[in-house]
Amino acid sequence: MAEPGSTPPSIGEQIFNGVKIVADLVIVPGASQIVEGRVGSGVLYAAGGFAARYLLPGMLGPVGWIAVALDSYSVSVSGRHLWETAMPPRLDQEPARPE
């Protein structure tokens, strides 16, 4: 959801964001980070995704992969982790801004 007073993303940005989420979910978590030039962060997300996928038992593996991918996408688009978007902002802290 857009912040009050901010402009909505352009069509090109929306398409690019769609490509990033598909890449994160289908190819490898962290792909959106790598595309934006944050290679170190992208590699860490990829390692976390593979660890979750192949080390967690049963159905937790794919769920872990999806969770890591969605967090990578969230950081790529908004600059905040999933759990940060779910919690109300702290009053003593400035809101996070994407790089």
PDB file of N, CA and C in Angstrom:
ATOM      1  N   MET A   1       0.836  -1.167   0.000  1.00  0.00           N
ATOM      2  CA  MET A   1       0.000   0.000   0.000  1.00  0.00           C
ATOM      3  C   MET A   1       0.889   1.241   0.000  1.00  0.00           C
ATOM      4  N   ALA A   2       0.524   2.209  -0.788  1.00  0.00           N
ATOM      5  CA  ALA A   2       1.343   3.420  -0.914  1.00  0.00           C
ATOM      6  C   ALA A   2       1.193   4.298   0.316  1.00  0.00           C
ATOM      7  N   GLU A   3       2.267   4.995   0.621  1.00  0.00           N
ATOM      8  CA  GLU A   3       2.251   5.943   1.728  1.00  0.00           C
ATOM      9  C   GLU A   3       1.407   7.150   1.328  1.00  0.00           C
ATOM     10  N   PRO A   4       0.729   7.795   2.277  1.00  0.00           N
ATOM     11  CA  PRO A   4      -0.036   8.995   1.941  1.00  0.00           C
ATOM     12  C   PRO A   4       0.889  10.072   1.364  1.00  0.00           C
ATOM     13  N   GLY A   5       0.452  10.678   0.292  1.00  0.00           N
ATOM     14  CA  GLY A   5       1.234  11.736  -0.321  1.00  0.00           C
ATOM     15  C   GLY A   5       2.281  11.254  -1.310  1.00  0.00           C
ATOM     16  N   SER A   6       2.445   9.943  -1.473  1.00  0.00           N
ATOM     17  CA  SER A   6       3.441   9.422  -2.420  1.00  0.00           C
ATOM     18  C   SER A   6       2.770   9.139  -3.757  1.00  0.00           C
ATOM     19  N   THR A   7       3.575   9.125  -4.794  1.00  0.00           N
ATOM     20  CA  THR A   7       3.036   8.840  -6.120  1.00  0.00           C
ATOM     21  C   THR A   7       3.012   7.329  -6.336  1.00  0.00           C
ATOM     22  N   PRO A   8       2.005   6.826  -7.019  1.00  0.00           N
ATOM     23  CA  PRO A   8       1.954   5.386  -7.282  1.00  0.00           C
ATOM     24  C   PRO A   8       3.052   4.990  -8.271  1.00  0.00           C
ATOM     25  N   PRO A   9       3.481   3.725  -8.223  1.00  0.00           N
ATOM     26  CA  PRO A   9       4.524   3.288  -9.158  1.00  0.00           C
ATOM     27  C   PRO A   9       4.024   3.324 -10.598  1.00  0.00           C
ATOM     28  N   SER A  10       4.939   3.594 -11.501  1.00  0.00           N
ATOM     29  CA  SER A  10       4.586   3.627 -12.920  1.00  0.00           C
ATOM     30  C   SER A  10       4.325   2.207 -13.425  1.00  0.00           C
ATOM     31  N   ILE A  11       3.814   2.109 -14.623  1.00  0.00           N
ATOM     32  CA  ILE A  11       3.546   0.804 -15.222  1.00  0.00           C
ATOM     33  C   ILE A  11       4.836   0.003 -15.356  1.00  0.00           C
ATOM     34  N   GLY A  12       5.907   0.667 -15.758  1.00  0.00           N
ATOM     35  CA  GLY A  12       7.198  -0.012 -15.891  1.00  0.00           C
ATOM     36  C   GLY A  12       7.691  -0.561 -14.563  1.00  0.00           C
ATOM     37  N   GLU A  13       7.526   0.225 -13.495  1.00  0.00           N
ATOM     38  CA  GLU A  13       7.934  -0.252 -12.170  1.00  0.00           C
ATOM     39  C   GLU A  13       7.077  -1.431 -11.724  1.00  0.00           C
ATOM     40  N   GLN A  14       5.795  -1.402 -12.023  1.00  0.00           N
ATOM     41  CA  GLN A  14       4.917  -2.500 -11.657  1.00  0.00           C
ATOM     42  C   GLN A  14       5.303  -3.789 -12.388  1.00  0.00           C
ATOM     43  N   ILE A  15       5.620  -3.664 -13.662  1.00  0.00           N
ATOM     44  CA  ILE A  15       6.043  -4.842 -14.437  1.00  0.00           C
ATOM     45  C   ILE A  15       7.365  -5.374 -13.900  1.00  0.00           C
ATOM     46  N   PHE A  16       8.307  -4.471 -13.613  1.00  0.00           N
ATOM     47  CA  PHE A  16       9.604  -4.870 -13.069  1.00  0.00           C
ATOM     48  C   PHE A  16       9.428  -5.560 -11.715  1.00  0.00           C
ATOM     49  N   ASN A  17       8.541  -5.038 -10.866  1.00  0.00           N
ATOM     50  CA  ASN A  17       8.264  -5.679  -9.583  1.00  0.00           C
ATOM     51  C   ASN A  17       7.650  -7.063  -9.779  1.00  0.00           C
ATOM     52  N   GLY A  18       6.797  -7.218 -10.776  1.00  0.00           N
ATOM     53  CA  GLY A  18       6.222  -8.530 -11.077  1.00  0.00           C
ATOM     54  C   GLY A  18       7.282  -9.526 -11.514  1.00  0.00           C
ATOM     55  N   VAL A  19       8.217  -9.070 -12.321  1.00  0.00           N
ATOM     56  CA  VAL A  19       9.318  -9.942 -12.754  1.00  0.00           C
ATOM     57  C   VAL A  19      10.184 -10.322 -11.558  1.00  0.00           C
ATOM     58  N   LYS A  20      10.417  -9.364 -10.652  1.00  0.00           N
ATOM     59  CA  LYS A  20      11.253  -9.648  -9.480  1.00  0.00           C
ATOM     60  C   LYS A  20      10.609 -10.694  -8.572  1.00  0.00           C
ATOM     61  N   ILE A  21       9.298 -10.620  -8.340  1.00  0.00           N
ATOM     62  CA  ILE A  21       8.671 -11.594  -7.444  1.00  0.00           C
ATOM     63  C   ILE A  21       8.644 -12.985  -8.077  1.00  0.00           C
ATOM     64  N   VAL A  22       8.430 -13.049  -9.393  1.00  0.00           N
ATOM     65  CA  VAL A  22       8.475 -14.347 -10.067  1.00  0.00           C
ATOM     66  C   VAL A  22       9.884 -14.929  -9.991  1.00  0.00           C
ATOM     67  N   ALA A  23      10.892 -14.095 -10.198  1.00  0.00           N
ATOM     68  CA  ALA A  23      12.281 -14.571 -10.115  1.00  0.00           C
ATOM     69  C   ALA A  23      12.607 -15.047  -8.704  1.00  0.00           C
ATOM     70  N   ASP A  24      12.145 -14.327  -7.691  1.00  0.00           N
ATOM     71  CA  ASP A  24      12.405 -14.737  -6.311  1.00  0.00           C
ATOM     72  C   ASP A  24      11.726 -16.066  -5.984  1.00  0.00           C
ATOM     73  N   LEU A  25      10.510 -16.261  -6.445  1.00  0.00           N
ATOM     74  CA  LEU A  25       9.770 -17.479  -6.109  1.00  0.00           C
ATOM     75  C   LEU A  25      10.167 -18.685  -6.963  1.00  0.00           C
ATOM     76  N   VAL A  26      10.434 -18.456  -8.242  1.00  0.00           N
ATOM     77  CA  VAL A  26      10.649 -19.573  -9.168  1.00  0.00           C
ATOM     78  C   VAL A  26      12.128 -19.892  -9.362  1.00  0.00           C
ATOM     79  N   ILE A  27      12.954 -18.883  -9.547  1.00  0.00           N
ATOM     80  CA  ILE A  27      14.369 -19.132  -9.844  1.00  0.00           C
ATOM     81  C   ILE A  27      15.145 -19.357  -8.559  1.00  0.00           C
ATOM     82  N   VAL A  28      15.300 -18.301  -7.749  1.00  0.00           N
ATOM     83  CA  VAL A  28      16.030 -18.420  -6.489  1.00  0.00           C
ATOM     84  C   VAL A  28      15.675 -17.216  -5.619  1.00  0.00           C
ATOM     85  N   PRO A  29      15.435 -17.440  -4.314  1.00  0.00           N
ATOM     86  CA  PRO A  29      15.247 -16.286  -3.435  1.00  0.00           C
ATOM     87  C   PRO A  29      16.508 -15.408  -3.477  1.00  0.00           C
ATOM     88  N   GLY A  30      16.309 -14.119  -3.485  1.00  0.00           N
ATOM     89  CA  GLY A  30      17.433 -13.194  -3.568  1.00  0.00           C
ATOM     90  C   GLY A  30      17.670 -12.671  -4.970  1.00  0.00           C
ATOM     91  N   ALA A  31      16.949 -13.195  -5.952  1.00  0.00           N
ATOM     92  CA  ALA A  31      17.137 -12.732  -7.330  1.00  0.00           C
ATOM     93  C   ALA A  31      16.817 -11.243  -7.456  1.00  0.00           C
ATOM     94  N   SER A  32      15.806 -10.774  -6.745  1.00  0.00           N
ATOM     95  CA  SER A  32      15.461  -9.353  -6.820  1.00  0.00           C
ATOM     96  C   SER A  32      16.555  -8.494  -6.208  1.00  0.00           C
ATOM     97  N   GLN A  33      17.223  -9.003  -5.195  1.00  0.00           N
ATOM     98  CA  GLN A  33      18.328  -8.274  -4.587  1.00  0.00           C
ATOM     99  C   GLN A  33      19.506  -8.187  -5.569  1.00  0.00           C
ATOM    100  N   ILE A  34      19.802  -9.295  -6.234  1.00  0.00           N
ATOM    101  CA  ILE A  34      20.911  -9.340  -7.190  1.00  0.00           C
ATOM    102  C   ILE A  34      20.649  -8.406  -8.363  1.00  0.00           C
ATOM    103  N   VAL A  35      19.404  -8.382  -8.855  1.00  0.00           N
ATOM    104  CA  VAL A  35      19.045  -7.519  -9.979  1.00  0.00           C
ATOM    105  C   VAL A  35      19.253  -6.053  -9.618  1.00  0.00           C
ATOM    106  N   GLU A  36      19.009  -5.695  -8.368  1.00  0.00           N
ATOM    107  CA  GLU A  36      19.179  -4.312  -7.936  1.00  0.00           C
ATOM    108  C   GLU A  36      20.616  -3.966  -7.572  1.00  0.00           C
ATOM    109  N   GLY A  37      21.531  -4.934  -7.683  1.00  0.00           N
ATOM    110  CA  GLY A  37      22.936  -4.668  -7.418  1.00  0.00           C
ATOM    111  C   GLY A  37      23.390  -5.017  -6.017  1.00  0.00           C
ATOM    112  N   ARG A  38      22.512  -5.537  -5.203  1.00  0.00           N
ATOM    113  CA  ARG A  38      22.878  -5.962  -3.849  1.00  0.00           C
ATOM    114  C   ARG A  38      23.244  -7.442  -3.882  1.00  0.00           C
ATOM    115  N   VAL A  39      24.389  -7.748  -4.459  1.00  0.00           N
ATOM    116  CA  VAL A  39      24.794  -9.131  -4.699  1.00  0.00           C
ATOM    117  C   VAL A  39      25.007  -9.885  -3.394  1.00  0.00           C
ATOM    118  N   GLY A  40      25.679  -9.274  -2.433  1.00  0.00           N
ATOM    119  CA  GLY A  40      25.932  -9.950  -1.157  1.00  0.00           C
ATOM    120  C   GLY A  40      24.644 -10.356  -0.467  1.00  0.00           C
ATOM    121  N   SER A  41      23.700  -9.437  -0.410  1.00  0.00           N
ATOM    122  CA  SER A  41      22.406  -9.724   0.201  1.00  0.00           C
ATOM    123  C   SER A  41      21.664 -10.800  -0.593  1.00  0.00           C
ATOM    124  N   GLY A  42      21.736 -10.725  -1.904  1.00  0.00           N
ATOM    125  CA  GLY A  42      21.067 -11.716  -2.744  1.00  0.00           C
ATOM    126  C   GLY A  42      21.621 -13.112  -2.554  1.00  0.00           C
ATOM    127  N   VAL A  43      22.949 -13.214  -2.433  1.00  0.00           N
ATOM    128  CA  VAL A  43      23.576 -14.523  -2.209  1.00  0.00           C
ATOM    129  C   VAL A  43      23.167 -15.088  -0.851  1.00  0.00           C
ATOM    130  N   LEU A  44      23.083 -14.226   0.158  1.00  0.00           N
ATOM    131  CA  LEU A  44      22.645 -14.693   1.479  1.00  0.00           C
ATOM    132  C   LEU A  44      21.192 -15.177   1.447  1.00  0.00           C
ATOM    133  N   TYR A  45      20.330 -14.463   0.744  1.00  0.00           N
ATOM    134  CA  TYR A  45      18.944 -14.916   0.602  1.00  0.00           C
ATOM    135  C   TYR A  45      18.883 -16.246  -0.154  1.00  0.00           C
ATOM    136  N   ALA A  46      19.699 -16.392  -1.197  1.00  0.00           N
ATOM    137  CA  ALA A  46      19.721 -17.646  -1.951  1.00  0.00           C
ATOM    138  C   ALA A  46      20.177 -18.798  -1.062  1.00  0.00           C
ATOM    139  N   ALA A  47      21.220 -18.578  -0.267  1.00  0.00           N
ATOM    140  CA  ALA A  47      21.696 -19.618   0.642  1.00  0.00           C
ATOM    141  C   ALA A  47      20.622 -19.968   1.665  1.00  0.00           C
ATOM    142  N   GLY A  48      19.936 -18.951   2.182  1.00  0.00           N
ATOM    143  CA  GLY A  48      18.850 -19.206   3.122  1.00  0.00           C
ATOM    144  C   GLY A  48      17.708 -19.968   2.489  1.00  0.00           C
ATOM    145  N   GLY A  49      17.394 -19.634   1.249  1.00  0.00           N
ATOM    146  CA  GLY A  49      16.330 -20.344   0.541  1.00  0.00           C
ATOM    147  C   GLY A  49      16.671 -21.798   0.306  1.00  0.00           C
ATOM    148  N   PHE A  50      17.905 -22.065  -0.155  1.00  0.00           N
ATOM    149  CA  PHE A  50      18.313 -23.454  -0.371  1.00  0.00           C
ATOM    150  C   PHE A  50      18.398 -24.226   0.940  1.00  0.00           C
ATOM    151  N   ALA A  51      18.884 -23.573   2.002  1.00  0.00           N
ATOM    152  CA  ALA A  51      18.942 -24.236   3.307  1.00  0.00           C
ATOM    153  C   ALA A  51      17.544 -24.573   3.790  1.00  0.00           C
ATOM    154  N   ALA A  52      16.620 -23.633   3.657  1.00  0.00           N
ATOM    155  CA  ALA A  52      15.244 -23.894   4.079  1.00  0.00           C
ATOM    156  C   ALA A  52      14.622 -25.002   3.242  1.00  0.00           C
ATOM    157  N   ARG A  53      14.865 -24.964   1.946  1.00  0.00           N
ATOM    158  CA  ARG A  53      14.233 -25.938   1.039  1.00  0.00           C
ATOM    159  C   ARG A  53      14.728 -27.359   1.281  1.00  0.00           C
ATOM    160  N   TYR A  54      16.019 -27.521   1.494  1.00  0.00           N
ATOM    161  CA  TYR A  54      16.577 -28.868   1.539  1.00  0.00           C
ATOM    162  C   TYR A  54      16.894 -29.370   2.941  1.00  0.00           C
ATOM    163  N   LEU A  55      16.875 -28.501   3.954  1.00  0.00           N
ATOM    164  CA  LEU A  55      17.182 -28.959   5.304  1.00  0.00           C
ATOM    165  C   LEU A  55      15.946 -29.105   6.189  1.00  0.00           C
ATOM    166  N   LEU A  56      14.883 -28.392   5.868  1.00  0.00           N
ATOM    167  CA  LEU A  56      13.664 -28.531   6.662  1.00  0.00           C
ATOM    168  C   LEU A  56      12.889 -29.760   6.209  1.00  0.00           C
ATOM    169  N   PRO A  57      12.313 -30.512   7.155  1.00  0.00           N
ATOM    170  CA  PRO A  57      11.630 -31.757   6.791  1.00  0.00           C
ATOM    171  C   PRO A  57      10.263 -31.521   6.139  1.00  0.00           C
ATOM    172  N   GLY A  58       9.904 -32.416   5.262  1.00  0.00           N
ATOM    173  CA  GLY A  58       8.562 -32.464   4.675  1.00  0.00           C
ATOM    174  C   GLY A  58       8.125 -31.183   3.989  1.00  0.00           C
ATOM    175  N   MET A  59       6.914 -30.761   4.342  1.00  0.00           N
ATOM    176  CA  MET A  59       6.310 -29.593   3.708  1.00  0.00           C
ATOM    177  C   MET A  59       6.904 -28.274   4.196  1.00  0.00           C
ATOM    178  N   LEU A  60       7.706 -28.294   5.244  1.00  0.00           N
ATOM    179  CA  LEU A  60       8.310 -27.054   5.713  1.00  0.00           C
ATOM    180  C   LEU A  60       9.361 -26.527   4.744  1.00  0.00           C
ATOM    181  N   GLY A  61       9.962 -27.409   3.942  1.00  0.00           N
ATOM    182  CA  GLY A  61      10.976 -26.983   2.980  1.00  0.00           C
ATOM    183  C   GLY A  61      10.442 -25.979   1.964  1.00  0.00           C
ATOM    184  N   PRO A  62       9.382 -26.331   1.227  1.00  0.00           N
ATOM    185  CA  PRO A  62       8.827 -25.364   0.274  1.00  0.00           C
ATOM    186  C   PRO A  62       8.273 -24.109   0.949  1.00  0.00           C
ATOM    187  N   VAL A  63       7.700 -24.274   2.145  1.00  0.00           N
ATOM    188  CA  VAL A  63       7.187 -23.110   2.867  1.00  0.00           C
ATOM    189  C   VAL A  63       8.341 -22.186   3.256  1.00  0.00           C
ATOM    190  N   GLY A  64       9.455 -22.759   3.685  1.00  0.00           N
ATOM    191  CA  GLY A  64      10.634 -21.963   4.010  1.00  0.00           C
ATOM    192  C   GLY A  64      11.175 -21.232   2.799  1.00  0.00           C
ATOM    193  N   TRP A  65      11.226 -21.917   1.648  1.00  0.00           N
ATOM    194  CA  TRP A  65      11.679 -21.307   0.387  1.00  0.00           C
ATOM    195  C   TRP A  65      10.811 -20.097   0.053  1.00  0.00           C
ATOM    196  N   ILE A  66       9.495 -20.267   0.139  1.00  0.00           N
ATOM    197  CA  ILE A  66       8.562 -19.189  -0.179  1.00  0.00           C
ATOM    198  C   ILE A  66       8.715 -18.032   0.811  1.00  0.00           C
ATOM    199  N   ALA A  67       8.884 -18.347   2.097  1.00  0.00           N
ATOM    200  CA  ALA A  67       9.043 -17.297   3.106  1.00  0.00           C
ATOM    201  C   ALA A  67      10.305 -16.473   2.854  1.00  0.00           C
ATOM    202  N   VAL A  68      11.397 -17.128   2.529  1.00  0.00           N
ATOM    203  CA  VAL A  68      12.650 -16.415   2.250  1.00  0.00           C
ATOM    204  C   VAL A  68      12.495 -15.571   0.984  1.00  0.00           C
ATOM    205  N   ALA A  69      11.843 -16.129  -0.036  1.00  0.00           N
ATOM    206  CA  ALA A  69      11.633 -15.394  -1.291  1.00  0.00           C
ATOM    207  C   ALA A  69      10.762 -14.163  -1.073  1.00  0.00           C
ATOM    208  N   LEU A  70       9.694 -14.298  -0.302  1.00  0.00           N
ATOM    209  CA  LEU A  70       8.816 -13.154  -0.058  1.00  0.00           C
ATOM    210  C   LEU A  70       9.512 -12.071   0.766  1.00  0.00           C
ATOM    211  N   ASP A  71      10.360 -12.483   1.706  1.00  0.00           N
ATOM    212  CA  ASP A  71      11.101 -11.495   2.479  1.00  0.00           C
ATOM    213  C   ASP A  71      12.100 -10.756   1.580  1.00  0.00           C
ATOM    214  N   SER A  72      12.760 -11.484   0.696  1.00  0.00           N
ATOM    215  CA  SER A  72      13.692 -10.854  -0.244  1.00  0.00           C
ATOM    216  C   SER A  72      12.964  -9.833  -1.113  1.00  0.00           C
ATOM    217  N   TYR A  73      11.796 -10.205  -1.613  1.00  0.00           N
ATOM    218  CA  TYR A  73      11.008  -9.287  -2.447  1.00  0.00           C
ATOM    219  C   TYR A  73      10.570  -8.057  -1.646  1.00  0.00           C
ATOM    220  N   SER A  74      10.141  -8.283  -0.411  1.00  0.00           N
ATOM    221  CA  SER A  74       9.694  -7.175   0.436  1.00  0.00           C
ATOM    222  C   SER A  74      10.824  -6.174   0.676  1.00  0.00           C
ATOM    223  N   VAL A  75      12.023  -6.678   0.961  1.00  0.00           N
ATOM    224  CA  VAL A  75      13.169  -5.790   1.170  1.00  0.00           C
ATOM    225  C   VAL A  75      13.518  -5.070  -0.127  1.00  0.00           C
ATOM    226  N   SER A  76      13.400  -5.755  -1.247  1.00  0.00           N
ATOM    227  CA  SER A  76      13.720  -5.161  -2.542  1.00  0.00           C
ATOM    228  C   SER A  76      12.775  -4.015  -2.884  1.00  0.00           C
ATOM    229  N   VAL A  77      11.494  -4.194  -2.602  1.00  0.00           N
ATOM    230  CA  VAL A  77      10.498  -3.206  -3.008  1.00  0.00           C
ATOM    231  C   VAL A  77      10.336  -2.086  -1.983  1.00  0.00           C
ATOM    232  N   SER A  78      10.246  -2.456  -0.699  1.00  0.00           N
ATOM    233  CA  SER A  78       9.924  -1.449   0.314  1.00  0.00           C
ATOM    234  C   SER A  78      11.091  -1.077   1.219  1.00  0.00           C
ATOM    235  N   GLY A  79      12.152  -1.874   1.206  1.00  0.00           N
ATOM    236  CA  GLY A  79      13.263  -1.613   2.101  1.00  0.00           C
ATOM    237  C   GLY A  79      13.035  -2.138   3.506  1.00  0.00           C
ATOM    238  N   ARG A  80      11.942  -2.882   3.721  1.00  0.00           N
ATOM    239  CA  ARG A  80      11.620  -3.422   5.040  1.00  0.00           C
ATOM    240  C   ARG A  80      11.348  -4.916   4.933  1.00  0.00           C
ATOM    241  N   HIS A  81      11.692  -5.644   6.000  1.00  0.00           N
ATOM    242  CA  HIS A  81      11.417  -7.074   6.047  1.00  0.00           C
ATOM    243  C   HIS A  81       9.927  -7.306   6.257  1.00  0.00           C
ATOM    244  N   LEU A  82       9.477  -8.543   5.986  1.00  0.00           N
ATOM    245  CA  LEU A  82       8.058  -8.861   6.127  1.00  0.00           C
ATOM    246  C   LEU A  82       7.539  -8.583   7.527  1.00  0.00           C
ATOM    247  N   TRP A  83       8.312  -8.969   8.534  1.00  0.00           N
ATOM    248  CA  TRP A  83       7.824  -8.775   9.896  1.00  0.00           C
ATOM    249  C   TRP A  83       7.779  -7.296  10.268  1.00  0.00           C
ATOM    250  N   GLU A  84       8.571  -6.472   9.606  1.00  0.00           N
ATOM    251  CA  GLU A  84       8.524  -5.037   9.864  1.00  0.00           C
ATOM    252  C   GLU A  84       7.289  -4.403   9.245  1.00  0.00           C
ATOM    253  N   THR A  85       6.818  -4.940   8.136  1.00  0.00           N
ATOM    254  CA  THR A  85       5.615  -4.395   7.509  1.00  0.00           C
ATOM    255  C   THR A  85       4.367  -4.804   8.264  1.00  0.00           C
ATOM    256  N   ALA A  86       4.421  -5.924   8.986  1.00  0.00           N
ATOM    257  CA  ALA A  86       3.259  -6.398   9.727  1.00  0.00           C
ATOM    258  C   ALA A  86       3.089  -5.678  11.059  1.00  0.00           C
ATOM    259  N   MET A  87       4.176  -5.139  11.595  1.00  0.00           N
ATOM    260  CA  MET A  87       4.111  -4.460  12.889  1.00  0.00           C
ATOM    261  C   MET A  87       3.881  -2.969  12.690  1.00  0.00           C
ATOM    262  N   PRO A  88       3.179  -2.334  13.633  1.00  0.00           N
ATOM    263  CA  PRO A  88       3.004  -0.881  13.519  1.00  0.00           C
ATOM    264  C   PRO A  88       4.339  -0.178  13.722  1.00  0.00           C
ATOM    265  N   PRO A  89       4.552   0.953  13.057  1.00  0.00           N
ATOM    266  CA  PRO A  89       5.831   1.658  13.199  1.00  0.00           C
ATOM    267  C   PRO A  89       6.004   2.195  14.617  1.00  0.00           C
ATOM    268  N   ARG A  90       7.250   2.172  15.073  1.00  0.00           N
ATOM    269  CA  ARG A  90       7.558   2.728  16.388  1.00  0.00           C
ATOM    270  C   ARG A  90       7.565   4.246  16.288  1.00  0.00           C
ATOM    271  N   LEU A  91       7.090   4.888  17.326  1.00  0.00           N
ATOM    272  CA  LEU A  91       6.994   6.345  17.306  1.00  0.00           C
ATOM    273  C   LEU A  91       8.349   7.024  17.414  1.00  0.00           C
ATOM    274  N   ASP A  92       9.329   6.360  18.021  1.00  0.00           N
ATOM    275  CA  ASP A  92      10.640   6.972  18.202  1.00  0.00           C
ATOM    276  C   ASP A  92      11.610   6.662  17.070  1.00  0.00           C
ATOM    277  N   GLN A  93      11.114   6.070  15.992  1.00  0.00           N
ATOM    278  CA  GLN A  93      11.989   5.643  14.900  1.00  0.00           C
ATOM    279  C   GLN A  93      11.497   6.214  13.582  1.00  0.00           C
ATOM    280  N   GLU A  94      12.427   6.666  12.761  1.00  0.00           N
ATOM    281  CA  GLU A  94      12.101   7.133  11.420  1.00  0.00           C
ATOM    282  C   GLU A  94      11.667   5.970  10.565  1.00  0.00           C
ATOM    283  N   PRO A  95      10.716   6.137   9.654  1.00  0.00           N
ATOM    284  CA  PRO A  95      10.339   5.040   8.761  1.00  0.00           C
ATOM    285  C   PRO A  95      11.479   4.670   7.825  1.00  0.00           C
ATOM    286  N   ALA A  96      11.577   3.380   7.510  1.00  0.00           N
ATOM    287  CA  ALA A  96      12.645   2.897   6.616  1.00  0.00           C
ATOM    288  C   ALA A  96      12.380   3.405   5.207  1.00  0.00           C
ATOM    289  N   ARG A  97      13.458   3.749   4.528  1.00  0.00           N
ATOM    290  CA  ARG A  97      13.350   4.202   3.141  1.00  0.00           C
ATOM    291  C   ARG A  97      14.154   3.246   2.267  1.00  0.00           C
ATOM    292  N   PRO A  98      13.598   2.831   1.119  1.00  0.00           N
ATOM    293  CA  PRO A  98      14.376   1.960   0.210  1.00  0.00           C
ATOM    294  C   PRO A  98      15.580   2.706  -0.336  1.00  0.00           C
ATOM    295  N   GLU A  99      16.632   1.950  -0.585  1.00  0.00           N
ATOM    296  CA  GLU A  99      17.878   2.545  -1.089  1.00  0.00           C
ATOM    297  C   GLU A  99      17.792   2.873  -2.549  1.00  0.00           C
TER     298      GLU A  99
END
